Amino acid sequence: MEFDWIECPFDLKKISPREIEESFEDPFSLRLLPEPELAGGASRYFCLGKTVGNQPVFSVFWTDGKKYRVLFSRAMTADEVNFYERRNAEIP
């Protein structure tokens, strides 16, 4: 997967591009399509994943199937971490 970091719309100093890419490479990452009214009619997706250093990362992104464009990324909240852990515990 290839990421487009040109003119990134958020601060990459809090979470580095490498950490964001690692969260997408997490084999247990969750990629979700939000309800259309939450996405404003655009094709936006959520990714919840962890870095190699076990840092939980939440990202909003767009993709054309080849390139990923991260629109926003931050550390997961406690509720998001619980959701991530619960969903992964359900997988046999």
PDB file of N, CA and C in Angstrom:
ATOM      1  N   MET A   1       0.843  -1.168   0.000  1.00  0.00           N
ATOM      2  CA  MET A   1       0.000   0.000   0.000  1.00  0.00           C
ATOM      3  C   MET A   1       0.888   1.230   0.000  1.00  0.00           C
ATOM      4  N   GLU A   2       0.452   2.233  -0.703  1.00  0.00           N
ATOM      5  CA  GLU A   2       1.221   3.468  -0.854  1.00  0.00           C
ATOM      6  C   GLU A   2       0.426   4.620  -0.238  1.00  0.00           C
ATOM      7  N   PHE A   3       1.124   5.463   0.516  1.00  0.00           N
ATOM      8  CA  PHE A   3       0.484   6.595   1.172  1.00  0.00           C
ATOM      9  C   PHE A   3       0.866   7.892   0.487  1.00  0.00           C
ATOM     10  N   ASP A   4      -0.087   8.803   0.420  1.00  0.00           N
ATOM     11  CA  ASP A   4       0.128  10.133  -0.151  1.00  0.00           C
ATOM     12  C   ASP A   4       0.249  11.119   1.009  1.00  0.00           C
ATOM     13  N   TRP A   5       1.477  11.597   1.271  1.00  0.00           N
ATOM     14  CA  TRP A   5       1.711  12.532   2.379  1.00  0.00           C
ATOM     15  C   TRP A   5       1.888  13.968   1.894  1.00  0.00           C
ATOM     16  N   ILE A   6       1.674  14.235   0.610  1.00  0.00           N
ATOM     17  CA  ILE A   6       1.823  15.582   0.069  1.00  0.00           C
ATOM     18  C   ILE A   6       0.700  16.459   0.610  1.00  0.00           C
ATOM     19  N   GLU A   7       1.059  17.620   1.115  1.00  0.00           N
ATOM     20  CA  GLU A   7       0.109  18.588   1.678  1.00  0.00           C
ATOM     21  C   GLU A   7      -0.843  17.940   2.678  1.00  0.00           C
ATOM     22  N   CYS A   8      -0.265  17.248   3.632  1.00  0.00           N
ATOM     23  CA  CYS A   8      -1.049  16.562   4.656  1.00  0.00           C
ATOM     24  C   CYS A   8      -1.854  17.591   5.459  1.00  0.00           C
ATOM     25  N   PRO A   9      -3.167  17.363   5.651  1.00  0.00           N
ATOM     26  CA  PRO A   9      -4.024  18.364   6.288  1.00  0.00           C
ATOM     27  C   PRO A   9      -3.952  18.415   7.822  1.00  0.00           C
ATOM     28  N   PHE A  10      -3.025  17.675   8.454  1.00  0.00           N
ATOM     29  CA  PHE A  10      -2.909  17.716   9.908  1.00  0.00           C
ATOM     30  C   PHE A  10      -1.435  17.670  10.300  1.00  0.00           C
ATOM     31  N   ASP A  11      -1.156  17.908  11.577  1.00  0.00           N
ATOM     32  CA  ASP A  11       0.205  17.999  12.095  1.00  0.00           C
ATOM     33  C   ASP A  11       0.829  16.607  12.211  1.00  0.00           C
ATOM     34  N   LEU A  12       1.905  16.361  11.478  1.00  0.00           N
ATOM     35  CA  LEU A  12       2.589  15.073  11.514  1.00  0.00           C
ATOM     36  C   LEU A  12       3.651  14.989  12.601  1.00  0.00           C
ATOM     37  N   LYS A  13       3.703  15.980  13.494  1.00  0.00           N
ATOM     38  CA  LYS A  13       4.678  15.955  14.575  1.00  0.00           C
ATOM     39  C   LYS A  13       4.171  15.152  15.769  1.00  0.00           C
ATOM     40  N   LYS A  14       2.847  15.092  15.944  1.00  0.00           N
ATOM     41  CA  LYS A  14       2.285  14.340  17.065  1.00  0.00           C
ATOM     42  C   LYS A  14       2.360  12.842  16.813  1.00  0.00           C
ATOM     43  N   ILE A  15       2.007  12.432  15.620  1.00  0.00           N
ATOM     44  CA  ILE A  15       2.123  11.035  15.194  1.00  0.00           C
ATOM     45  C   ILE A  15       2.836  11.051  13.849  1.00  0.00           C
ATOM     46  N   SER A  16       3.924  10.314  13.756  1.00  0.00           N
ATOM     47  CA  SER A  16       4.717  10.338  12.526  1.00  0.00           C
ATOM     48  C   SER A  16       4.050   9.524  11.413  1.00  0.00           C
ATOM     49  N   PRO A  17       4.390   9.829  10.164  1.00  0.00           N
ATOM     50  CA  PRO A  17       3.847   9.050   9.050  1.00  0.00           C
ATOM     51  C   PRO A  17       4.155   7.553   9.196  1.00  0.00           C
ATOM     52  N   ARG A  18       5.333   7.228   9.700  1.00  0.00           N
ATOM     53  CA  ARG A  18       5.697   5.813   9.870  1.00  0.00           C
ATOM     54  C   ARG A  18       4.766   5.122  10.867  1.00  0.00           C
ATOM     55  N   GLU A  19       4.452   5.800  11.974  1.00  0.00           N
ATOM     56  CA  GLU A  19       3.547   5.218  12.963  1.00  0.00           C
ATOM     57  C   GLU A  19       2.150   5.010  12.383  1.00  0.00           C
ATOM     58  N   ILE A  20       1.699   5.957  11.591  1.00  0.00           N
ATOM     59  CA  ILE A  20       0.380   5.827  10.948  1.00  0.00           C
ATOM     60  C   ILE A  20       0.396   4.641   9.981  1.00  0.00           C
ATOM     61  N   GLU A  21       1.447   4.528   9.175  1.00  0.00           N
ATOM     62  CA  GLU A  21       1.558   3.413   8.245  1.00  0.00           C
ATOM     63  C   GLU A  21       1.595   2.080   8.992  1.00  0.00           C
ATOM     64  N   GLU A  22       2.312   2.036  10.128  1.00  0.00           N
ATOM     65  CA  GLU A  22       2.361   0.815  10.938  1.00  0.00           C
ATOM     66  C   GLU A  22       0.975   0.429  11.447  1.00  0.00           C
ATOM     67  N   SER A  23       0.153   1.419  11.807  1.00  0.00           N
ATOM     68  CA  SER A  23      -1.192   1.116  12.304  1.00  0.00           C
ATOM     69  C   SER A  23      -2.059   0.493  11.201  1.00  0.00           C
ATOM     70  N   PHE A  24      -1.816   0.878   9.942  1.00  0.00           N
ATOM     71  CA  PHE A  24      -2.538   0.276   8.819  1.00  0.00           C
ATOM     72  C   PHE A  24      -2.034  -1.138   8.544  1.00  0.00           C
ATOM     73  N   GLU A  25      -0.753  -1.400   8.842  1.00  0.00           N
ATOM     74  CA  GLU A  25      -0.159  -2.713   8.606  1.00  0.00           C
ATOM     75  C   GLU A  25      -0.457  -3.696   9.736  1.00  0.00           C
ATOM     76  N   ASP A  26      -1.008  -3.212  10.837  1.00  0.00           N
ATOM     77  CA  ASP A  26      -1.384  -4.066  11.967  1.00  0.00           C
ATOM     78  C   ASP A  26      -2.324  -5.164  11.460  1.00  0.00           C
ATOM     79  N   PRO A  27      -1.964  -6.451  11.652  1.00  0.00           N
ATOM     80  CA  PRO A  27      -2.841  -7.517  11.153  1.00  0.00           C
ATOM     81  C   PRO A  27      -4.207  -7.551  11.831  1.00  0.00           C
ATOM     82  N   PHE A  28      -4.346  -6.880  12.964  1.00  0.00           N
ATOM     83  CA  PHE A  28      -5.616  -6.834  13.681  1.00  0.00           C
ATOM     84  C   PHE A  28      -6.336  -5.494  13.517  1.00  0.00           C
ATOM     85  N   SER A  29      -5.827  -4.636  12.620  1.00  0.00           N
ATOM     86  CA  SER A  29      -6.450  -3.327  12.442  1.00  0.00           C
ATOM     87  C   SER A  29      -7.887  -3.479  11.960  1.00  0.00           C
ATOM     88  N   LEU A  30      -8.695  -2.502  12.329  1.00  0.00           N
ATOM     89  CA  LEU A  30     -10.098  -2.489  11.925  1.00  0.00           C
ATOM     90  C   LEU A  30     -10.291  -1.348  10.942  1.00  0.00           C
ATOM     91  N   ARG A  31     -10.886  -1.638   9.809  1.00  0.00           N
ATOM     92  CA  ARG A  31     -11.202  -0.601   8.828  1.00  0.00           C
ATOM     93  C   ARG A  31     -12.701  -0.566   8.682  1.00  0.00           C
ATOM     94  N   LEU A  32     -13.259   0.587   8.948  1.00  0.00           N
ATOM     95  CA  LEU A  32     -14.710   0.725   8.999  1.00  0.00           C
ATOM     96  C   LEU A  32     -15.186   1.824   8.072  1.00  0.00           C
ATOM     97  N   LEU A  33     -16.370   1.638   7.524  1.00  0.00           N
ATOM     98  CA  LEU A  33     -17.038   2.648   6.711  1.00  0.00           C
ATOM     99  C   LEU A  33     -18.122   3.261   7.583  1.00  0.00           C
ATOM    100  N   PRO A  34     -18.017   4.560   7.911  1.00  0.00           N
ATOM    101  CA  PRO A  34     -19.027   5.171   8.778  1.00  0.00           C
ATOM    102  C   PRO A  34     -20.365   5.350   8.065  1.00  0.00           C
ATOM    103  N   GLU A  35     -21.368   5.649   8.849  1.00  0.00           N
ATOM    104  CA  GLU A  35     -22.682   5.959   8.282  1.00  0.00           C
ATOM    105  C   GLU A  35     -22.534   7.148   7.328  1.00  0.00           C
ATOM    106  N   PRO A  36     -23.272   7.182   6.211  1.00  0.00           N
ATOM    107  CA  PRO A  36     -23.122   8.260   5.216  1.00  0.00           C
ATOM    108  C   PRO A  36     -23.291   9.667   5.799  1.00  0.00           C
ATOM    109  N   GLU A  37     -24.190   9.840   6.766  1.00  0.00           N
ATOM    110  CA  GLU A  37     -24.376  11.180   7.335  1.00  0.00           C
ATOM    111  C   GLU A  37     -23.167  11.628   8.156  1.00  0.00           C
ATOM    112  N   LEU A  38     -22.390  10.699   8.708  1.00  0.00           N
ATOM    113  CA  LEU A  38     -21.178  11.053   9.442  1.00  0.00           C
ATOM    114  C   LEU A  38     -20.045  11.421   8.497  1.00  0.00           C
ATOM    115  N   ALA A  39     -20.024  10.829   7.326  1.00  0.00           N
ATOM    116  CA  ALA A  39     -18.955  11.082   6.358  1.00  0.00           C
ATOM    117  C   ALA A  39     -19.248  12.289   5.477  1.00  0.00           C
ATOM    118  N   GLY A  40     -20.409  12.887   5.633  1.00  0.00           N
ATOM    119  CA  GLY A  40     -20.751  14.043   4.812  1.00  0.00           C
ATOM    120  C   GLY A  40     -20.956  13.682   3.355  1.00  0.00           C
ATOM    121  N   GLY A  41     -21.339  12.446   3.085  1.00  0.00           N
ATOM    122  CA  GLY A  41     -21.584  12.019   1.711  1.00  0.00           C
ATOM    123  C   GLY A  41     -20.336  11.588   0.967  1.00  0.00           C
ATOM    124  N   ALA A  42     -19.144  11.787   1.553  1.00  0.00           N
ATOM    125  CA  ALA A  42     -17.898  11.406   0.895  1.00  0.00           C
ATOM    126  C   ALA A  42     -17.504   9.986   1.304  1.00  0.00           C
ATOM    127  N   SER A  43     -16.672   9.355   0.519  1.00  0.00           N
ATOM    128  CA  SER A  43     -16.180   8.013   0.837  1.00  0.00           C
ATOM    129  C   SER A  43     -14.978   8.135   1.769  1.00  0.00           C
ATOM    130  N   ARG A  44     -15.263   8.137   3.027  1.00  0.00           N
ATOM    131  CA  ARG A  44     -14.226   8.214   4.058  1.00  0.00           C
ATOM    132  C   ARG A  44     -14.301   6.951   4.887  1.00  0.00           C
ATOM    133  N   TYR A  45     -13.150   6.502   5.367  1.00  0.00           N
ATOM    134  CA  TYR A  45     -13.071   5.287   6.164  1.00  0.00           C
ATOM    135  C   TYR A  45     -12.342   5.585   7.464  1.00  0.00           C
ATOM    136  N   PHE A  46     -12.564   4.726   8.476  1.00  0.00           N
ATOM    137  CA  PHE A  46     -11.856   4.798   9.745  1.00  0.00           C
ATOM    138  C   PHE A  46     -10.908   3.616   9.821  1.00  0.00           C
ATOM    139  N   CYS A  47      -9.742   3.828  10.385  1.00  0.00           N
ATOM    140  CA  CYS A  47      -8.805   2.747  10.651  1.00  0.00           C
ATOM    141  C   CYS A  47      -8.398   2.825  12.113  1.00  0.00           C
ATOM    142  N   LEU A  48      -8.575   1.725  12.829  1.00  0.00           N
ATOM    143  CA  LEU A  48      -8.108   1.611  14.200  1.00  0.00           C
ATOM    144  C   LEU A  48      -7.049   0.522  14.198  1.00  0.00           C
ATOM    145  N   GLY A  49      -5.825   0.889  14.543  1.00  0.00           N
ATOM    146  CA  GLY A  49      -4.730  -0.071  14.534  1.00  0.00           C
ATOM    147  C   GLY A  49      -3.654   0.336  15.518  1.00  0.00           C
ATOM    148  N   LYS A  50      -2.700  -0.553  15.711  1.00  0.00           N
ATOM    149  CA  LYS A  50      -1.603  -0.280  16.635  1.00  0.00           C
ATOM    150  C   LYS A  50      -0.274  -0.302  15.895  1.00  0.00           C
ATOM    151  N   THR A  51       0.657   0.496  16.397  1.00  0.00           N
ATOM    152  CA  THR A  51       2.009   0.546  15.836  1.00  0.00           C
ATOM    153  C   THR A  51       2.809  -0.636  16.364  1.00  0.00           C
ATOM    154  N   VAL A  52       4.020  -0.795  15.843  1.00  0.00           N
ATOM    155  CA  VAL A  52       4.911  -1.849  16.319  1.00  0.00           C
ATOM    156  C   VAL A  52       5.202  -1.643  17.813  1.00  0.00           C
ATOM    157  N   GLY A  53       5.243  -0.395  18.254  1.00  0.00           N
ATOM    158  CA  GLY A  53       5.463  -0.065  19.661  1.00  0.00           C
ATOM    159  C   GLY A  53       4.194  -0.130  20.499  1.00  0.00           C
ATOM    160  N   ASN A  54       3.113  -0.681  19.959  1.00  0.00           N
ATOM    161  CA  ASN A  54       1.822  -0.878  20.638  1.00  0.00           C
ATOM    162  C   ASN A  54       1.071   0.419  20.924  1.00  0.00           C
ATOM    163  N   GLN A  55       1.349   1.478  20.171  1.00  0.00           N
ATOM    164  CA  GLN A  55       0.615   2.736  20.316  1.00  0.00           C
ATOM    165  C   GLN A  55      -0.669   2.642  19.499  1.00  0.00           C
ATOM    166  N   PRO A  56      -1.832   2.827  20.131  1.00  0.00           N
ATOM    167  CA  PRO A  56      -3.091   2.767  19.393  1.00  0.00           C
ATOM    168  C   PRO A  56      -3.330   4.049  18.594  1.00  0.00           C
ATOM    169  N   VAL A  57      -3.670   3.899  17.308  1.00  0.00           N
ATOM    170  CA  VAL A  57      -3.839   5.037  16.402  1.00  0.00           C
ATOM    171  C   VAL A  57      -5.202   4.958  15.714  1.00  0.00           C
ATOM    172  N   PHE A  58      -5.903   6.087  15.688  1.00  0.00           N
ATOM    173  CA  PHE A  58      -7.174   6.229  14.970  1.00  0.00           C
ATOM    174  C   PHE A  58      -6.925   7.138  13.778  1.00  0.00           C
ATOM    175  N   SER A  59      -7.360   6.710  12.586  1.00  0.00           N
ATOM    176  CA  SER A  59      -7.172   7.522  11.380  1.00  0.00           C
ATOM    177  C   SER A  59      -8.455   7.573  10.562  1.00  0.00           C
ATOM    178  N   VAL A  60      -8.640   8.700   9.896  1.00  0.00           N
ATOM    179  CA  VAL A  60      -9.700   8.856   8.899  1.00  0.00           C
ATOM    180  C   VAL A  60      -8.965   8.946   7.567  1.00  0.00           C
ATOM    181  N   PHE A  61      -9.395   8.149   6.598  1.00  0.00           N
ATOM    182  CA  PHE A  61      -8.662   8.122   5.333  1.00  0.00           C
ATOM    183  C   PHE A  61      -9.591   7.932   4.148  1.00  0.00           C
ATOM    184  N   TRP A  62      -9.019   8.140   2.982  1.00  0.00           N
ATOM    185  CA  TRP A  62      -9.668   7.930   1.691  1.00  0.00           C
ATOM    186  C   TRP A  62      -8.728   7.041   0.895  1.00  0.00           C
ATOM    187  N   THR A  63      -9.279   6.189   0.048  1.00  0.00           N
ATOM    188  CA  THR A  63      -8.436   5.348  -0.800  1.00  0.00           C
ATOM    189  C   THR A  63      -9.092   5.121  -2.155  1.00  0.00           C
ATOM    190  N   ASP A  64      -8.237   4.923  -3.153  1.00  0.00           N
ATOM    191  CA  ASP A  64      -8.733   4.536  -4.472  1.00  0.00           C
ATOM    192  C   ASP A  64      -8.400   3.071  -4.747  1.00  0.00           C
ATOM    193  N   GLY A  65      -7.962   2.363  -3.716  1.00  0.00           N
ATOM    194  CA  GLY A  65      -7.595   0.965  -3.845  1.00  0.00           C
ATOM    195  C   GLY A  65      -6.103   0.745  -4.002  1.00  0.00           C
ATOM    196  N   LYS A  66      -5.388   1.785  -4.395  1.00  0.00           N
ATOM    197  CA  LYS A  66      -3.937   1.696  -4.559  1.00  0.00           C
ATOM    198  C   LYS A  66      -3.217   2.653  -3.615  1.00  0.00           C
ATOM    199  N   LYS A  67      -3.721   3.881  -3.532  1.00  0.00           N
ATOM    200  CA  LYS A  67      -3.129   4.903  -2.672  1.00  0.00           C
ATOM    201  C   LYS A  67      -4.047   5.203  -1.504  1.00  0.00           C
ATOM    202  N   TYR A  68      -3.416   5.508  -0.376  1.00  0.00           N
ATOM    203  CA  TYR A  68      -4.152   5.917   0.815  1.00  0.00           C
ATOM    204  C   TYR A  68      -3.831   7.377   1.099  1.00  0.00           C
ATOM    205  N   ARG A  69      -4.845   8.142   1.396  1.00  0.00           N
ATOM    206  CA  ARG A  69      -4.683   9.554   1.769  1.00  0.00           C
ATOM    207  C   ARG A  69      -5.273   9.709   3.160  1.00  0.00           C
ATOM    208  N   VAL A  70      -4.405   9.890   4.152  1.00  0.00           N
ATOM    209  CA  VAL A  70      -4.862  10.046   5.534  1.00  0.00           C
ATOM    210  C   VAL A  70      -5.267  11.497   5.729  1.00  0.00           C
ATOM    211  N   LEU A  71      -6.511  11.705   6.152  1.00  0.00           N
ATOM    212  CA  LEU A  71      -7.062  13.042   6.330  1.00  0.00           C
ATOM    213  C   LEU A  71      -6.912  13.535   7.756  1.00  0.00           C
ATOM    214  N   PHE A  72      -6.853  12.592   8.698  1.00  0.00           N
ATOM    215  CA  PHE A  72      -6.722  12.942  10.106  1.00  0.00           C
ATOM    216  C   PHE A  72      -6.235  11.719  10.854  1.00  0.00           C
ATOM    217  N   SER A  73      -5.379  11.929  11.845  1.00  0.00           N
ATOM    218  CA  SER A  73      -4.885  10.819  12.649  1.00  0.00           C
ATOM    219  C   SER A  73      -4.561  11.318  14.046  1.00  0.00           C
ATOM    220  N   ARG A  74      -4.826  10.458  15.045  1.00  0.00           N
ATOM    221  CA  ARG A  74      -4.546  10.788  16.437  1.00  0.00           C
ATOM    222  C   ARG A  74      -4.475   9.495  17.237  1.00  0.00           C
ATOM    223  N   ALA A  75      -4.097   9.617  18.512  1.00  0.00           N
ATOM    224  CA  ALA A  75      -4.117   8.456  19.398  1.00  0.00           C
ATOM    225  C   ALA A  75      -5.567   8.066  19.662  1.00  0.00           C
ATOM    226  N   MET A  76      -5.822   6.778  19.795  1.00  0.00           N
ATOM    227  CA  MET A  76      -7.183   6.316  20.090  1.00  0.00           C
ATOM    228  C   MET A  76      -7.596   6.747  21.494  1.00  0.00           C
ATOM    229  N   THR A  77      -8.890   7.010  21.659  1.00  0.00           N
ATOM    230  CA  THR A  77      -9.440   7.279  22.990  1.00  0.00           C
ATOM    231  C   THR A  77      -9.592   5.938  23.719  1.00  0.00           C
ATOM    232  N   ALA A  78      -9.880   6.005  25.023  1.00  0.00           N
ATOM    233  CA  ALA A  78     -10.070   4.777  25.811  1.00  0.00           C
ATOM    234  C   ALA A  78     -11.222   3.945  25.260  1.00  0.00           C
ATOM    235  N   ASP A  79     -12.312   4.593  24.840  1.00  0.00           N
ATOM    236  CA  ASP A  79     -13.454   3.865  24.268  1.00  0.00           C
ATOM    237  C   ASP A  79     -13.072   3.180  22.957  1.00  0.00           C
ATOM    238  N   GLU A  80     -12.264   3.839  22.143  1.00  0.00           N
ATOM    239  CA  GLU A  80     -11.833   3.247  20.874  1.00  0.00           C
ATOM    240  C   GLU A  80     -10.912   2.052  21.116  1.00  0.00           C
ATOM    241  N   VAL A  81     -10.034   2.160  22.106  1.00  0.00           N
ATOM    242  CA  VAL A  81      -9.150   1.036  22.449  1.00  0.00           C
ATOM    243  C   VAL A  81      -9.993  -0.150  22.911  1.00  0.00           C
ATOM    244  N   ASN A  82     -11.001   0.113  23.755  1.00  0.00           N
ATOM    245  CA  ASN A  82     -11.885  -0.959  24.220  1.00  0.00           C
ATOM    246  C   ASN A  82     -12.616  -1.612  23.049  1.00  0.00           C
ATOM    247  N   PHE A  83     -13.105  -0.808  22.105  1.00  0.00           N
ATOM    248  CA  PHE A  83     -13.783  -1.330  20.915  1.00  0.00           C
ATOM    249  C   PHE A  83     -12.829  -2.198  20.101  1.00  0.00           C
ATOM    250  N   TYR A  84     -11.610  -1.708  19.863  1.00  0.00           N
ATOM    251  CA  TYR A  84     -10.582  -2.435  19.109  1.00  0.00           C
ATOM    252  C   TYR A  84     -10.302  -3.787  19.776  1.00  0.00           C
ATOM    253  N   GLU A  85     -10.072  -3.765  21.082  1.00  0.00           N
ATOM    254  CA  GLU A  85      -9.764  -4.996  21.815  1.00  0.00           C
ATOM    255  C   GLU A  85     -10.944  -5.961  21.796  1.00  0.00           C
ATOM    256  N   ARG A  86     -12.148  -5.444  22.002  1.00  0.00           N
ATOM    257  CA  ARG A  86     -13.347  -6.290  22.021  1.00  0.00           C
ATOM    258  C   ARG A  86     -13.581  -6.941  20.659  1.00  0.00           C
ATOM    259  N   ARG A  87     -13.474  -6.162  19.576  1.00  0.00           N
ATOM    260  CA  ARG A  87     -13.685  -6.705  18.222  1.00  0.00           C
ATOM    261  C   ARG A  87     -12.647  -7.774  17.884  1.00  0.00           C
ATOM    262  N   ASN A  88     -11.411  -7.558  18.299  1.00  0.00           N
ATOM    263  CA  ASN A  88     -10.364  -8.543  18.014  1.00  0.00           C
ATOM    264  C   ASN A  88     -10.501  -9.789  18.881  1.00  0.00           C
ATOM    265  N   ALA A  89     -11.092  -9.665  20.052  1.00  0.00           N
ATOM    266  CA  ALA A  89     -11.334 -10.831  20.913  1.00  0.00           C
ATOM    267  C   ALA A  89     -12.447 -11.707  20.332  1.00  0.00           C
ATOM    268  N   GLU A  90     -13.344 -11.122  19.524  1.00  0.00           N
ATOM    269  CA  GLU A  90     -14.447 -11.873  18.909  1.00  0.00           C
ATOM    270  C   GLU A  90     -14.000 -12.748  17.741  1.00  0.00           C
ATOM    271  N   ILE A  91     -12.851 -12.437  17.162  1.00  0.00           N
ATOM    272  CA  ILE A  91     -12.356 -13.172  16.004  1.00  0.00           C
ATOM    273  C   ILE A  91     -11.834 -14.534  16.465  1.00  0.00           C
ATOM    274  N   PRO A  92     -12.346 -15.626  15.881  1.00  0.00           N
ATOM    275  CA  PRO A  92     -11.926 -16.975  16.324  1.00  0.00           C
ATOM    276  C   PRO A  92     -10.485 -17.285  15.982  1.00  0.00           C
TER     277      PRO A  92
END
